[in-house]
Amino acid sequence: MCTGFCEEVFFRGFLLKRFEARFGFLLGNTLQGFLFGLLHGIPFGITTGKVMVTILLTVLPGTLGWLNEKGFNGSIFPSWLVHGILIFVLHVWNYR
């Protein structure tokens, strides 16, 4: 779970805040989401061939940035929780 927490601190807690201050929320959130997606969705898709999960892992990060900033006053807790749940679900799904 620390991996998810550390990633959320970096992407939604650090990068999103910097990008948002420089480019505004829409572009800043899109940039952090794109970077997160590149590091997660693309490698996962290449190694597993699971197209729907790859799309989810590439698109979801922008949604999580919006959830944190607009729904929870900038707290990373919601995306950390969703991140942890997704990691758990993906592990269960892969080991069936």
PDB file of N, CA and C in Angstrom:
ATOM      1  N   MET A   1       0.824  -1.194   0.000  1.00  0.00           N
ATOM      2  CA  MET A   1       0.000   0.000   0.000  1.00  0.00           C
ATOM      3  C   MET A   1       0.866   1.256   0.000  1.00  0.00           C
ATOM      4  N   CYS A   2       2.096   1.155   0.479  1.00  0.00           N
ATOM      5  CA  CYS A   2       2.969   2.327   0.473  1.00  0.00           C
ATOM      6  C   CYS A   2       3.252   2.792  -0.946  1.00  0.00           C
ATOM      7  N   THR A   3       3.366   1.862  -1.889  1.00  0.00           N
ATOM      8  CA  THR A   3       3.613   2.262  -3.269  1.00  0.00           C
ATOM      9  C   THR A   3       2.491   3.179  -3.752  1.00  0.00           C
ATOM     10  N   GLY A   4       1.246   2.779  -3.505  1.00  0.00           N
ATOM     11  CA  GLY A   4       0.118   3.619  -3.895  1.00  0.00           C
ATOM     12  C   GLY A   4       0.153   4.968  -3.197  1.00  0.00           C
ATOM     13  N   PHE A   5       0.456   4.963  -1.923  1.00  0.00           N
ATOM     14  CA  PHE A   5       0.524   6.215  -1.170  1.00  0.00           C
ATOM     15  C   PHE A   5       1.631   7.109  -1.719  1.00  0.00           C
ATOM     16  N   CYS A   6       2.800   6.547  -1.926  1.00  0.00           N
ATOM     17  CA  CYS A   6       3.929   7.340  -2.439  1.00  0.00           C
ATOM     18  C   CYS A   6       3.631   7.892  -3.820  1.00  0.00           C
ATOM     19  N   GLU A   7       2.990   7.103  -4.654  1.00  0.00           N
ATOM     20  CA  GLU A   7       2.618   7.579  -5.988  1.00  0.00           C
ATOM     21  C   GLU A   7       1.589   8.697  -5.899  1.00  0.00           C
ATOM     22  N   GLU A   8       0.627   8.570  -5.012  1.00  0.00           N
ATOM     23  CA  GLU A   8      -0.386   9.618  -4.861  1.00  0.00           C
ATOM     24  C   GLU A   8       0.237  10.909  -4.345  1.00  0.00           C
ATOM     25  N   VAL A   9       1.148  10.793  -3.395  1.00  0.00           N
ATOM     26  CA  VAL A   9       1.835  11.988  -2.888  1.00  0.00           C
ATOM     27  C   VAL A   9       2.573  12.678  -4.033  1.00  0.00           C
ATOM     28  N   PHE A  10       3.272  11.887  -4.855  1.00  0.00           N
ATOM     29  CA  PHE A  10       4.043  12.489  -5.944  1.00  0.00           C
ATOM     30  C   PHE A  10       3.153  13.044  -7.050  1.00  0.00           C
ATOM     31  N   PHE A  11       2.239  12.229  -7.580  1.00  0.00           N
ATOM     32  CA  PHE A  11       1.452  12.664  -8.736  1.00  0.00           C
ATOM     33  C   PHE A  11       0.356  13.657  -8.374  1.00  0.00           C
ATOM     34  N   ARG A  12      -0.488  13.313  -7.403  1.00  0.00           N
ATOM     35  CA  ARG A  12      -1.609  14.200  -7.054  1.00  0.00           C
ATOM     36  C   ARG A  12      -1.231  15.241  -6.015  1.00  0.00           C
ATOM     37  N   GLY A  13      -0.313  14.924  -5.141  1.00  0.00           N
ATOM     38  CA  GLY A  13       0.080  15.877  -4.107  1.00  0.00           C
ATOM     39  C   GLY A  13       1.139  16.856  -4.545  1.00  0.00           C
ATOM     40  N   PHE A  14       2.063  16.423  -5.390  1.00  0.00           N
ATOM     41  CA  PHE A  14       3.164  17.294  -5.812  1.00  0.00           C
ATOM     42  C   PHE A  14       2.983  17.792  -7.252  1.00  0.00           C
ATOM     43  N   LEU A  15       2.980  16.861  -8.214  1.00  0.00           N
ATOM     44  CA  LEU A  15       2.914  17.281  -9.618  1.00  0.00           C
ATOM     45  C   LEU A  15       1.643  18.057  -9.940  1.00  0.00           C
ATOM     46  N   LEU A  16       0.500  17.538  -9.520  1.00  0.00           N
ATOM     47  CA  LEU A  16      -0.751  18.222  -9.839  1.00  0.00           C
ATOM     48  C   LEU A  16      -0.755  19.635  -9.284  1.00  0.00           C
ATOM     49  N   LYS A  17      -0.308  19.808  -8.073  1.00  0.00           N
ATOM     50  CA  LYS A  17      -0.290  21.157  -7.473  1.00  0.00           C
ATOM     51  C   LYS A  17       0.618  22.089  -8.269  1.00  0.00           C
ATOM     52  N   ARG A  18       1.786  21.588  -8.703  1.00  0.00           N
ATOM     53  CA  ARG A  18       2.719  22.427  -9.476  1.00  0.00           C
ATOM     54  C   ARG A  18       2.159  22.742 -10.850  1.00  0.00           C
ATOM     55  N   PHE A  19       1.642  21.713 -11.519  1.00  0.00           N
ATOM     56  CA  PHE A  19       1.077  21.919 -12.853  1.00  0.00           C
ATOM     57  C   PHE A  19      -0.150  22.831 -12.796  1.00  0.00           C
ATOM     58  N   GLU A  20      -0.974  22.658 -11.778  1.00  0.00           N
ATOM     59  CA  GLU A  20      -2.174  23.484 -11.641  1.00  0.00           C
ATOM     60  C   GLU A  20      -1.794  24.952 -11.430  1.00  0.00           C
ATOM     61  N   ALA A  21      -0.797  25.203 -10.604  1.00  0.00           N
ATOM     62  CA  ALA A  21      -0.366  26.583 -10.352  1.00  0.00           C
ATOM     63  C   ALA A  21       0.176  27.227 -11.636  1.00  0.00           C
ATOM     64  N   ARG A  22       0.816  26.434 -12.451  1.00  0.00           N
ATOM     65  CA  ARG A  22       1.439  26.990 -13.669  1.00  0.00           C
ATOM     66  C   ARG A  22       0.494  27.054 -14.862  1.00  0.00           C
ATOM     67  N   PHE A  23      -0.344  26.012 -15.043  1.00  0.00           N
ATOM     68  CA  PHE A  23      -1.160  25.905 -16.254  1.00  0.00           C
ATOM     69  C   PHE A  23      -2.666  25.953 -16.021  1.00  0.00           C
ATOM     70  N   GLY A  24      -3.098  26.021 -14.771  1.00  0.00           N
ATOM     71  CA  GLY A  24      -4.521  25.935 -14.466  1.00  0.00           C
ATOM     72  C   GLY A  24      -4.908  24.486 -14.213  1.00  0.00           C
ATOM     73  N   PHE A  25      -6.089  24.306 -13.631  1.00  0.00           N
ATOM     74  CA  PHE A  25      -6.472  22.959 -13.204  1.00  0.00           C
ATOM     75  C   PHE A  25      -6.654  22.002 -14.371  1.00  0.00           C
ATOM     76  N   LEU A  26      -7.368  22.394 -15.406  1.00  0.00           N
ATOM     77  CA  LEU A  26      -7.686  21.466 -16.488  1.00  0.00           C
ATOM     78  C   LEU A  26      -6.427  20.916 -17.153  1.00  0.00           C
ATOM     79  N   LEU A  27      -5.524  21.766 -17.562  1.00  0.00           N
ATOM     80  CA  LEU A  27      -4.294  21.304 -18.206  1.00  0.00           C
ATOM     81  C   LEU A  27      -3.371  20.621 -17.200  1.00  0.00           C
ATOM     82  N   GLY A  28      -3.271  21.165 -15.992  1.00  0.00           N
ATOM     83  CA  GLY A  28      -2.421  20.559 -14.967  1.00  0.00           C
ATOM     84  C   GLY A  28      -2.863  19.151 -14.616  1.00  0.00           C
ATOM     85  N   ASN A  29      -4.163  18.965 -14.457  1.00  0.00           N
ATOM     86  CA  ASN A  29      -4.701  17.642 -14.142  1.00  0.00           C
ATOM     87  C   ASN A  29      -4.506  16.690 -15.309  1.00  0.00           C
ATOM     88  N   THR A  30      -4.701  17.193 -16.511  1.00  0.00           N
ATOM     89  CA  THR A  30      -4.505  16.362 -17.701  1.00  0.00           C
ATOM     90  C   THR A  30      -3.047  15.914 -17.804  1.00  0.00           C
ATOM     91  N   LEU A  31      -2.117  16.808 -17.553  1.00  0.00           N
ATOM     92  CA  LEU A  31      -0.689  16.466 -17.620  1.00  0.00           C
ATOM     93  C   LEU A  31      -0.300  15.414 -16.583  1.00  0.00           C
ATOM     94  N   GLN A  32      -0.708  15.622 -15.320  1.00  0.00           N
ATOM     95  CA  GLN A  32      -0.343  14.633 -14.305  1.00  0.00           C
ATOM     96  C   GLN A  32      -1.011  13.303 -14.587  1.00  0.00           C
ATOM     97  N   GLY A  33      -2.245  13.335 -15.051  1.00  0.00           N
ATOM     98  CA  GLY A  33      -2.953  12.100 -15.376  1.00  0.00           C
ATOM     99  C   GLY A  33      -2.292  11.358 -16.531  1.00  0.00           C
ATOM    100  N   PHE A  34      -1.861  12.117 -17.539  1.00  0.00           N
ATOM    101  CA  PHE A  34      -1.181  11.527 -18.692  1.00  0.00           C
ATOM    102  C   PHE A  34       0.139  10.870 -18.272  1.00  0.00           C
ATOM    103  N   LEU A  35       0.912  11.562 -17.460  1.00  0.00           N
ATOM    104  CA  LEU A  35       2.184  10.998 -16.987  1.00  0.00           C
ATOM    105  C   LEU A  35       1.964   9.744 -16.147  1.00  0.00           C
ATOM    106  N   PHE A  36       0.990   9.813 -15.249  1.00  0.00           N
ATOM    107  CA  PHE A  36       0.660   8.652 -14.425  1.00  0.00           C
ATOM    108  C   PHE A  36       0.220   7.492 -15.309  1.00  0.00           C
ATOM    109  N   GLY A  37      -0.637   7.801 -16.279  1.00  0.00           N
ATOM    110  CA  GLY A  37      -1.132   6.770 -17.196  1.00  0.00           C
ATOM    111  C   GLY A  37      -0.031   6.130 -18.013  1.00  0.00           C
ATOM    112  N   LEU A  38       0.918   6.947 -18.463  1.00  0.00           N
ATOM    113  CA  LEU A  38       2.050   6.397 -19.223  1.00  0.00           C
ATOM    114  C   LEU A  38       2.855   5.408 -18.396  1.00  0.00           C
ATOM    115  N   LEU A  39       3.027   5.727 -17.125  1.00  0.00           N
ATOM    116  CA  LEU A  39       3.835   4.869 -16.258  1.00  0.00           C
ATOM    117  C   LEU A  39       3.091   3.629 -15.758  1.00  0.00           C
ATOM    118  N   HIS A  40       1.769   3.632 -15.881  1.00  0.00           N
ATOM    119  CA  HIS A  40       0.990   2.503 -15.372  1.00  0.00           C
ATOM    120  C   HIS A  40       0.256   1.749 -16.475  1.00  0.00           C
ATOM    121  N   GLY A  41      -0.567   2.456 -17.211  1.00  0.00           N
ATOM    122  CA  GLY A  41      -1.422   1.802 -18.204  1.00  0.00           C
ATOM    123  C   GLY A  41      -0.662   1.149 -19.332  1.00  0.00           C
ATOM    124  N   ILE A  42       0.284   1.858 -19.915  1.00  0.00           N
ATOM    125  CA  ILE A  42       1.005   1.326 -21.064  1.00  0.00           C
ATOM    126  C   ILE A  42       1.839   0.090 -20.697  1.00  0.00           C
ATOM    127  N   PRO A  43       2.683   0.150 -19.664  1.00  0.00           N
ATOM    128  CA  PRO A  43       3.441  -1.066 -19.308  1.00  0.00           C
ATOM    129  C   PRO A  43       2.536  -2.240 -18.921  1.00  0.00           C
ATOM    130  N   PHE A  44       1.457  -1.948 -18.202  1.00  0.00           N
ATOM    131  CA  PHE A  44       0.535  -3.015 -17.813  1.00  0.00           C
ATOM    132  C   PHE A  44      -0.076  -3.654 -19.049  1.00  0.00           C
ATOM    133  N   GLY A  45      -0.488  -2.819 -19.995  1.00  0.00           N
ATOM    134  CA  GLY A  45      -1.091  -3.336 -21.223  1.00  0.00           C
ATOM    135  C   GLY A  45      -0.128  -4.170 -22.038  1.00  0.00           C
ATOM    136  N   ILE A  46       1.119  -3.745 -22.127  1.00  0.00           N
ATOM    137  CA  ILE A  46       2.124  -4.472 -22.888  1.00  0.00           C
ATOM    138  C   ILE A  46       2.394  -5.835 -22.259  1.00  0.00           C
ATOM    139  N   THR A  47       2.481  -5.876 -20.938  1.00  0.00           N
ATOM    140  CA  THR A  47       2.830  -7.137 -20.278  1.00  0.00           C
ATOM    141  C   THR A  47       1.656  -8.099 -20.134  1.00  0.00           C
ATOM    142  N   THR A  48       0.430  -7.587 -20.059  1.00  0.00           N
ATOM    143  CA  THR A  48      -0.712  -8.481 -19.822  1.00  0.00           C
ATOM    144  C   THR A  48      -1.634  -8.639 -21.023  1.00  0.00           C
ATOM    145  N   GLY A  49      -1.677  -7.643 -21.895  1.00  0.00           N
ATOM    146  CA  GLY A  49      -2.584  -7.702 -23.032  1.00  0.00           C
ATOM    147  C   GLY A  49      -4.036  -7.444 -22.665  1.00  0.00           C
ATOM    148  N   LYS A  50      -4.294  -6.969 -21.448  1.00  0.00           N
ATOM    149  CA  LYS A  50      -5.668  -6.691 -21.006  1.00  0.00           C
ATOM    150  C   LYS A  50      -6.036  -5.258 -21.399  1.00  0.00           C
ATOM    151  N   VAL A  51      -6.737  -5.128 -22.512  1.00  0.00           N
ATOM    152  CA  VAL A  51      -7.009  -3.832 -23.117  1.00  0.00           C
ATOM    153  C   VAL A  51      -7.874  -2.946 -22.218  1.00  0.00           C
ATOM    154  N   MET A  52      -8.940  -3.486 -21.673  1.00  0.00           N
ATOM    155  CA  MET A  52      -9.850  -2.668 -20.859  1.00  0.00           C
ATOM    156  C   MET A  52      -9.151  -2.140 -19.603  1.00  0.00           C
ATOM    157  N   VAL A  53      -8.350  -2.967 -18.972  1.00  0.00           N
ATOM    158  CA  VAL A  53      -7.623  -2.530 -17.776  1.00  0.00           C
ATOM    159  C   VAL A  53      -6.597  -1.473 -18.161  1.00  0.00           C
ATOM    160  N   THR A  54      -5.961  -1.647 -19.304  1.00  0.00           N
ATOM    161  CA  THR A  54      -4.990  -0.666 -19.791  1.00  0.00           C
ATOM    162  C   THR A  54      -5.655   0.687 -20.002  1.00  0.00           C
ATOM    163  N   ILE A  55      -6.823   0.688 -20.614  1.00  0.00           N
ATOM    164  CA  ILE A  55      -7.562   1.938 -20.831  1.00  0.00           C
ATOM    165  C   ILE A  55      -7.930   2.563 -19.492  1.00  0.00           C
ATOM    166  N   LEU A  56      -8.414   1.760 -18.567  1.00  0.00           N
ATOM    167  CA  LEU A  56      -8.782   2.252 -17.238  1.00  0.00           C
ATOM    168  C   LEU A  56      -7.584   2.885 -16.532  1.00  0.00           C
ATOM    169  N   LEU A  57      -6.446   2.217 -16.561  1.00  0.00           N
ATOM    170  CA  LEU A  57      -5.258   2.724 -15.881  1.00  0.00           C
ATOM    171  C   LEU A  57      -4.674   3.954 -16.567  1.00  0.00           C
ATOM    172  N   THR A  58      -5.018   4.172 -17.812  1.00  0.00           N
ATOM    173  CA  THR A  58      -4.524   5.334 -18.532  1.00  0.00           C
ATOM    174  C   THR A  58      -5.452   6.535 -18.351  1.00  0.00           C
ATOM    175  N   VAL A  59      -6.759   6.303 -18.228  1.00  0.00           N
ATOM    176  CA  VAL A  59      -7.743   7.382 -18.135  1.00  0.00           C
ATOM    177  C   VAL A  59      -8.065   7.769 -16.686  1.00  0.00           C
ATOM    178  N   LEU A  60      -8.089   6.812 -15.798  1.00  0.00           N
ATOM    179  CA  LEU A  60      -8.514   7.047 -14.411  1.00  0.00           C
ATOM    180  C   LEU A  60      -7.719   8.105 -13.659  1.00  0.00           C
ATOM    181  N   PRO A  61      -6.410   8.250 -13.860  1.00  0.00           N
ATOM    182  CA  PRO A  61      -5.656   9.227 -13.061  1.00  0.00           C
ATOM    183  C   PRO A  61      -6.177  10.666 -13.135  1.00  0.00           C
ATOM    184  N   GLY A  62      -6.644  11.095 -14.286  1.00  0.00           N
ATOM    185  CA  GLY A  62      -7.218  12.436 -14.377  1.00  0.00           C
ATOM    186  C   GLY A  62      -8.489  12.557 -13.561  1.00  0.00           C
ATOM    187  N   THR A  63      -9.264  11.482 -13.536  1.00  0.00           N
ATOM    188  CA  THR A  63     -10.484  11.463 -12.734  1.00  0.00           C
ATOM    189  C   THR A  63     -10.142  11.548 -11.253  1.00  0.00           C
ATOM    190  N   LEU A  64      -9.077  10.861 -10.851  1.00  0.00           N
ATOM    191  CA  LEU A  64      -8.673  10.902  -9.443  1.00  0.00           C
ATOM    192  C   LEU A  64      -8.174  12.290  -9.051  1.00  0.00           C
ATOM    193  N   GLY A  65      -7.469  12.958  -9.948  1.00  0.00           N
ATOM    194  CA  GLY A  65      -7.026  14.327  -9.676  1.00  0.00           C
ATOM    195  C   GLY A  65      -8.214  15.252  -9.475  1.00  0.00           C
ATOM    196  N   TRP A  66      -9.242  15.085 -10.322  1.00  0.00           N
ATOM    197  CA  TRP A  66     -10.442  15.901 -10.190  1.00  0.00           C
ATOM    198  C   TRP A  66     -11.138  15.607  -8.859  1.00  0.00           C
ATOM    199  N   LEU A  67     -11.252  14.324  -8.516  1.00  0.00           N
ATOM    200  CA  LEU A  67     -11.893  13.928  -7.260  1.00  0.00           C
ATOM    201  C   LEU A  67     -11.202  14.582  -6.068  1.00  0.00           C
ATOM    202  N   ASN A  68      -9.886  14.523  -6.047  1.00  0.00           N
ATOM    203  CA  ASN A  68      -9.139  15.119  -4.932  1.00  0.00           C
ATOM    204  C   ASN A  68      -9.357  16.620  -4.849  1.00  0.00           C
ATOM    205  N   GLU A  69      -9.138  17.300  -5.956  1.00  0.00           N
ATOM    206  CA  GLU A  69      -9.145  18.762  -5.949  1.00  0.00           C
ATOM    207  C   GLU A  69     -10.538  19.348  -5.830  1.00  0.00           C
ATOM    208  N   LYS A  70     -11.480  18.825  -6.570  1.00  0.00           N
ATOM    209  CA  LYS A  70     -12.825  19.416  -6.613  1.00  0.00           C
ATOM    210  C   LYS A  70     -13.784  18.811  -5.595  1.00  0.00           C
ATOM    211  N   GLY A  71     -13.566  17.561  -5.244  1.00  0.00           N
ATOM    212  CA  GLY A  71     -14.486  16.901  -4.331  1.00  0.00           C
ATOM    213  C   GLY A  71     -14.034  16.873  -2.882  1.00  0.00           C
ATOM    214  N   PHE A  72     -12.719  16.965  -2.653  1.00  0.00           N
ATOM    215  CA  PHE A  72     -12.199  16.798  -1.299  1.00  0.00           C
ATOM    216  C   PHE A  72     -11.146  17.839  -0.929  1.00  0.00           C
ATOM    217  N   ASN A  73     -11.282  19.046  -1.438  1.00  0.00           N
ATOM    218  CA  ASN A  73     -10.406  20.178  -1.077  1.00  0.00           C
ATOM    219  C   ASN A  73      -8.914  19.886  -1.182  1.00  0.00           C
ATOM    220  N   GLY A  74      -8.506  19.121  -2.175  1.00  0.00           N
ATOM    221  CA  GLY A  74      -7.087  18.875  -2.400  1.00  0.00           C
ATOM    222  C   GLY A  74      -6.502  17.722  -1.609  1.00  0.00           C
ATOM    223  N   SER A  75      -7.302  17.016  -0.836  1.00  0.00           N
ATOM    224  CA  SER A  75      -6.801  15.865  -0.072  1.00  0.00           C
ATOM    225  C   SER A  75      -6.465  14.717  -1.019  1.00  0.00           C
ATOM    226  N   ILE A  76      -5.366  14.024  -0.766  1.00  0.00           N
ATOM    227  CA  ILE A  76      -5.030  12.863  -1.592  1.00  0.00           C
ATOM    228  C   ILE A  76      -5.674  11.578  -1.066  1.00  0.00           C
ATOM    229  N   PHE A  77      -6.375  11.655   0.043  1.00  0.00           N
ATOM    230  CA  PHE A  77      -6.964  10.456   0.640  1.00  0.00           C
ATOM    231  C   PHE A  77      -7.897   9.705  -0.324  1.00  0.00           C
ATOM    232  N   PRO A  78      -8.814  10.382  -1.036  1.00  0.00           N
ATOM    233  CA  PRO A  78      -9.703   9.626  -1.931  1.00  0.00           C
ATOM    234  C   PRO A  78      -8.950   8.858  -3.010  1.00  0.00           C
ATOM    235  N   SER A  79      -7.961   9.495  -3.643  1.00  0.00           N
ATOM    236  CA  SER A  79      -7.231   8.783  -4.694  1.00  0.00           C
ATOM    237  C   SER A  79      -6.342   7.689  -4.104  1.00  0.00           C
ATOM    238  N   TRP A  80      -5.842   7.890  -2.907  1.00  0.00           N
ATOM    239  CA  TRP A  80      -5.048   6.851  -2.238  1.00  0.00           C
ATOM    240  C   TRP A  80      -5.926   5.630  -1.975  1.00  0.00           C
ATOM    241  N   LEU A  81      -7.134   5.857  -1.502  1.00  0.00           N
ATOM    242  CA  LEU A  81      -8.070   4.772  -1.233  1.00  0.00           C
ATOM    243  C   LEU A  81      -8.424   4.032  -2.524  1.00  0.00           C
ATOM    244  N   VAL A  82      -8.788   4.766  -3.568  1.00  0.00           N
ATOM    245  CA  VAL A  82      -9.130   4.145  -4.855  1.00  0.00           C
ATOM    246  C   VAL A  82      -7.921   3.393  -5.413  1.00  0.00           C
ATOM    247  N   HIS A  83      -6.749   3.983  -5.315  1.00  0.00           N
ATOM    248  CA  HIS A  83      -5.518   3.363  -5.787  1.00  0.00           C
ATOM    249  C   HIS A  83      -5.301   2.020  -5.083  1.00  0.00           C
ATOM    250  N   GLY A  84      -5.443   2.004  -3.773  1.00  0.00           N
ATOM    251  CA  GLY A  84      -5.264   0.771  -3.012  1.00  0.00           C
ATOM    252  C   GLY A  84      -6.283  -0.290  -3.385  1.00  0.00           C
ATOM    253  N   ILE A  85      -7.520   0.118  -3.567  1.00  0.00           N
ATOM    254  CA  ILE A  85      -8.575  -0.826  -3.959  1.00  0.00           C
ATOM    255  C   ILE A  85      -8.273  -1.408  -5.333  1.00  0.00           C
ATOM    256  N   LEU A  86      -7.858  -0.554  -6.268  1.00  0.00           N
ATOM    257  CA  LEU A  86      -7.534  -1.037  -7.612  1.00  0.00           C
ATOM    258  C   LEU A  86      -6.359  -2.011  -7.606  1.00  0.00           C
ATOM    259  N   ILE A  87      -5.339  -1.710  -6.824  1.00  0.00           N
ATOM    260  CA  ILE A  87      -4.202  -2.633  -6.724  1.00  0.00           C
ATOM    261  C   ILE A  87      -4.669  -3.990  -6.202  1.00  0.00           C
ATOM    262  N   PHE A  88      -5.504  -3.967  -5.176  1.00  0.00           N
ATOM    263  CA  PHE A  88      -6.035  -5.204  -4.607  1.00  0.00           C
ATOM    264  C   PHE A  88      -6.849  -5.979  -5.648  1.00  0.00           C
ATOM    265  N   VAL A  89      -7.762  -5.289  -6.329  1.00  0.00           N
ATOM    266  CA  VAL A  89      -8.621  -5.937  -7.329  1.00  0.00           C
ATOM    267  C   VAL A  89      -7.782  -6.523  -8.466  1.00  0.00           C
ATOM    268  N   LEU A  90      -6.798  -5.757  -8.941  1.00  0.00           N
ATOM    269  CA  LEU A  90      -5.955  -6.250 -10.029  1.00  0.00           C
ATOM    270  C   LEU A  90      -5.157  -7.488  -9.611  1.00  0.00           C
ATOM    271  N   HIS A  91      -4.681  -7.503  -8.379  1.00  0.00           N
ATOM    272  CA  HIS A  91      -3.950  -8.686  -7.903  1.00  0.00           C
ATOM    273  C   HIS A  91      -4.873  -9.899  -7.799  1.00  0.00           C
ATOM    274  N   VAL A  92      -6.064  -9.700  -7.282  1.00  0.00           N
ATOM    275  CA  VAL A  92      -7.020 -10.808  -7.182  1.00  0.00           C
ATOM    276  C   VAL A  92      -7.380 -11.299  -8.581  1.00  0.00           C
ATOM    277  N   TRP A  93      -7.630 -10.361  -9.496  1.00  0.00           N
ATOM    278  CA  TRP A  93      -8.011 -10.699 -10.872  1.00  0.00           C
ATOM    279  C   TRP A  93      -6.886 -11.474 -11.567  1.00  0.00           C
ATOM    280  N   ASN A  94      -5.658 -11.072 -11.367  1.00  0.00           N
ATOM    281  CA  ASN A  94      -4.524 -11.721 -12.029  1.00  0.00           C
ATOM    282  C   ASN A  94      -4.221 -13.109 -11.474  1.00  0.00           C
ATOM    283  N   TYR A  95      -4.613 -13.373 -10.228  1.00  0.00           N
ATOM    284  CA  TYR A  95      -4.268 -14.647  -9.611  1.00  0.00           C
ATOM    285  C   TYR A  95      -5.424 -15.626  -9.565  1.00  0.00           C
ATOM    286  N   ARG A  96      -6.466 -15.379 -10.348  1.00  0.00           N
ATOM    287  CA  ARG A  96      -7.581 -16.328 -10.403  1.00  0.00           C
ATOM    288  C   ARG A  96      -7.239 -17.473 -11.299  1.00  0.00           C
TER     289      ARG A  96
END
